[in-house]
Amino acid sequence: NVSHALAKVTHEAAIGSVDKRQLETLMAHGLSPEEAVDVIVRGILR
């Protein structure tokens, strides 16, 4: 925990862009764009 009136704490992670082909394949199988991105990101984080 950081507790100071002037402190600002952030956390950021970058993993790159989602592969367009993977996204299109998942969407072709019926997933919404949001669901497809979620599946791809979860796969990367495992």
N, C-alpha and C. Protein backbone atom coordinates (compact mmCIF):
# COMPACT_ATOMS: atom_id res chain seq x y z
N ASN A 1 0.83 -1.19 0.00
CA ASN A 1 0.00 0.00 0.00
C ASN A 1 0.86 1.25 0.00
N VAL A 2 0.46 2.20 -0.79
CA VAL A 2 1.12 3.50 -0.81
C VAL A 2 0.07 4.51 -0.40
N SER A 3 0.33 5.22 0.67
CA SER A 3 -0.62 6.24 1.09
C SER A 3 0.11 7.53 1.39
N HIS A 4 0.12 8.40 0.42
CA HIS A 4 0.73 9.72 0.55
C HIS A 4 -0.06 10.65 -0.35
N ALA A 5 -0.35 11.83 0.12
CA ALA A 5 -1.20 12.76 -0.61
C ALA A 5 -0.68 13.08 -2.01
N LEU A 6 0.64 13.05 -2.21
CA LEU A 6 1.21 13.40 -3.49
C LEU A 6 1.61 12.19 -4.33
N ALA A 7 1.38 11.00 -3.81
CA ALA A 7 1.80 9.79 -4.52
C ALA A 7 0.75 9.35 -5.54
N LYS A 8 1.25 8.92 -6.67
CA LYS A 8 0.38 8.33 -7.69
C LYS A 8 1.05 7.03 -8.11
N VAL A 9 0.35 5.93 -7.95
CA VAL A 9 0.91 4.63 -8.26
C VAL A 9 0.10 4.02 -9.40
N THR A 10 0.81 3.57 -10.42
CA THR A 10 0.14 2.91 -11.53
C THR A 10 0.86 1.62 -11.86
N HIS A 11 0.15 0.74 -12.53
CA HIS A 11 0.74 -0.51 -12.99
C HIS A 11 0.27 -0.70 -14.42
N GLU A 12 1.20 -1.00 -15.29
CA GLU A 12 0.85 -1.16 -16.69
C GLU A 12 1.60 -2.34 -17.28
N ALA A 13 0.93 -3.06 -18.14
CA ALA A 13 1.58 -4.18 -18.83
C ALA A 13 1.26 -4.08 -20.31
N ALA A 14 2.23 -4.39 -21.12
CA ALA A 14 2.02 -4.40 -22.56
C ALA A 14 2.39 -5.77 -23.09
N ILE A 15 1.51 -6.34 -23.87
CA ILE A 15 1.79 -7.66 -24.42
C ILE A 15 1.81 -7.64 -25.94
N GLY A 16 1.61 -6.49 -26.51
CA GLY A 16 1.57 -6.41 -27.96
C GLY A 16 0.14 -6.46 -28.45
N SER A 17 0.00 -6.50 -29.74
CA SER A 17 -1.34 -6.50 -30.31
C SER A 17 -1.85 -7.92 -30.48
N VAL A 18 -3.15 -8.03 -30.53
CA VAL A 18 -3.80 -9.32 -30.73
C VAL A 18 -3.64 -9.72 -32.19
N ASP A 19 -3.30 -10.98 -32.42
CA ASP A 19 -3.13 -11.49 -33.78
C ASP A 19 -4.47 -11.45 -34.52
N LYS A 20 -4.50 -10.71 -35.62
CA LYS A 20 -5.73 -10.52 -36.37
C LYS A 20 -6.30 -11.85 -36.88
N ARG A 21 -5.43 -12.75 -37.31
CA ARG A 21 -5.90 -14.05 -37.81
C ARG A 21 -6.56 -14.87 -36.71
N GLN A 22 -5.95 -14.86 -35.51
CA GLN A 22 -6.55 -15.58 -34.39
C GLN A 22 -7.92 -14.99 -34.06
N LEU A 23 -7.99 -13.67 -34.05
CA LEU A 23 -9.23 -12.97 -33.74
C LEU A 23 -10.31 -13.34 -34.76
N GLU A 24 -9.97 -13.31 -36.04
CA GLU A 24 -10.93 -13.64 -37.09
C GLU A 24 -11.39 -15.09 -37.00
N THR A 25 -10.47 -15.99 -36.68
CA THR A 25 -10.82 -17.41 -36.55
C THR A 25 -11.82 -17.62 -35.42
N LEU A 26 -11.55 -17.02 -34.27
CA LEU A 26 -12.46 -17.17 -33.13
C LEU A 26 -13.83 -16.56 -33.43
N MET A 27 -13.84 -15.42 -34.10
CA MET A 27 -15.10 -14.78 -34.46
C MET A 27 -15.87 -15.62 -35.48
N ALA A 28 -15.16 -16.31 -36.38
CA ALA A 28 -15.81 -17.19 -37.35
C ALA A 28 -16.49 -18.37 -36.66
N HIS A 29 -16.01 -18.69 -35.46
CA HIS A 29 -16.62 -19.78 -34.68
C HIS A 29 -17.72 -19.27 -33.76
N GLY A 30 -18.11 -18.01 -33.93
CA GLY A 30 -19.27 -17.49 -33.21
C GLY A 30 -19.00 -16.59 -32.03
N LEU A 31 -17.74 -16.33 -31.71
CA LEU A 31 -17.44 -15.45 -30.58
C LEU A 31 -17.56 -13.99 -31.01
N SER A 32 -17.97 -13.15 -30.07
CA SER A 32 -17.98 -11.71 -30.32
C SER A 32 -16.54 -11.23 -30.31
N PRO A 33 -16.27 -10.04 -30.85
CA PRO A 33 -14.89 -9.53 -30.81
C PRO A 33 -14.34 -9.47 -29.38
N GLU A 34 -15.18 -9.06 -28.43
CA GLU A 34 -14.73 -8.97 -27.04
C GLU A 34 -14.40 -10.34 -26.47
N GLU A 35 -15.25 -11.33 -26.76
CA GLU A 35 -15.00 -12.69 -26.28
C GLU A 35 -13.73 -13.26 -26.90
N ALA A 36 -13.53 -12.99 -28.18
CA ALA A 36 -12.34 -13.49 -28.87
C ALA A 36 -11.07 -12.91 -28.27
N VAL A 37 -11.06 -11.61 -28.01
CA VAL A 37 -9.89 -10.97 -27.39
C VAL A 37 -9.66 -11.56 -26.01
N ASP A 38 -10.73 -11.79 -25.26
CA ASP A 38 -10.60 -12.37 -23.92
C ASP A 38 -9.95 -13.75 -23.98
N VAL A 39 -10.37 -14.57 -24.92
CA VAL A 39 -9.79 -15.92 -25.07
C VAL A 39 -8.31 -15.82 -25.40
N ILE A 40 -7.95 -14.93 -26.31
CA ILE A 40 -6.54 -14.78 -26.71
C ILE A 40 -5.70 -14.29 -25.54
N VAL A 41 -6.18 -13.29 -24.83
CA VAL A 41 -5.42 -12.74 -23.70
C VAL A 41 -5.26 -13.78 -22.60
N ARG A 42 -6.33 -14.52 -22.30
CA ARG A 42 -6.23 -15.57 -21.28
C ARG A 42 -5.21 -16.63 -21.68
N GLY A 43 -5.15 -16.94 -22.96
CA GLY A 43 -4.17 -17.90 -23.46
C GLY A 43 -2.75 -17.41 -23.30
N ILE A 44 -2.54 -16.13 -23.51
CA ILE A 44 -1.21 -15.53 -23.36
C ILE A 44 -0.78 -15.54 -21.90
N LEU A 45 -1.72 -15.29 -21.00
CA LEU A 45 -1.39 -15.16 -19.58
C LEU A 45 -1.20 -16.50 -18.88
N ARG A 46 -1.57 -17.60 -19.52
CA ARG A 46 -1.42 -18.92 -18.87
C ARG A 46 -0.02 -19.41 -18.96
